[in-house]
Protein backbone atom coordinates (compact mmCIF):
# COMPACT_ATOMS: atom_id res chain seq x y z
CA MET A 1 2.99 -15.62 -13.16
CA ARG A 2 3.48 -12.05 -11.87
CA ASP A 3 4.51 -9.16 -14.09
CA ASP A 4 7.37 -7.40 -12.24
CA ASP A 5 6.46 -4.02 -13.73
CA ARG A 6 3.11 -3.88 -11.95
CA PRO A 7 2.70 -2.81 -8.31
CA PRO A 8 1.44 -5.43 -5.86
CA ILE A 9 -2.17 -5.79 -4.79
CA CYS A 10 -3.00 -5.30 -1.10
CA PRO A 11 -3.87 -8.70 0.38
CA ARG A 12 -6.15 -7.03 2.95
CA CYS A 13 -8.45 -4.99 0.69
CA GLY A 14 -7.50 -5.77 -2.92
CA VAL A 15 -6.48 -2.21 -3.90
CA THR A 16 -3.31 -1.60 -5.92
CA MET A 17 -0.49 -0.54 -3.61
CA VAL A 18 1.71 2.54 -4.17
CA PRO A 19 5.38 3.25 -3.42
CA ALA A 20 5.91 3.90 0.30
CA ALA A 21 7.30 7.36 -0.50
CA LEU A 22 3.74 8.47 -1.34
CA SER A 23 2.45 7.55 2.11
CA ALA A 24 1.50 10.27 4.59
CA GLY A 25 2.80 8.11 7.44
CA ASP A 26 6.37 8.16 8.72
CA THR A 27 6.82 4.42 9.25
CA HIS A 28 6.63 1.79 6.53
CA ASP A 29 6.85 -1.98 6.68
CA GLY A 30 8.17 -2.28 3.14
CA ASP A 31 8.60 -0.63 -0.24
CA TRP A 32 4.84 -0.52 -0.90
CA VAL A 33 1.85 0.76 1.07
CA CYS A 34 -1.90 0.59 0.60
CA LEU A 35 -3.34 4.08 0.83
CA GLU A 36 -6.85 2.68 1.27
CA CYS A 37 -5.88 0.68 4.37
CA GLU A 38 -3.75 3.55 5.65
CA GLU A 39 -6.73 5.90 5.41
CA LEU A 40 -9.12 3.44 7.07
CA ASP A 41 -6.70 2.77 9.95
CA GLU A 42 -6.43 6.51 10.68
CA ASP A 43 -10.21 6.86 10.92
CA GLU A 44 -10.65 4.04 13.44
């Protein structure tokens, strides 16, 4: 059972996701983003 008050966990890396408004990127695929994956994708 999932607690609706908690943010989701990134299925790719396991880090807690943050609201998309906190992302440095302009495009978002949803309401939540993973800053860890976002940072890693920029470095590659």
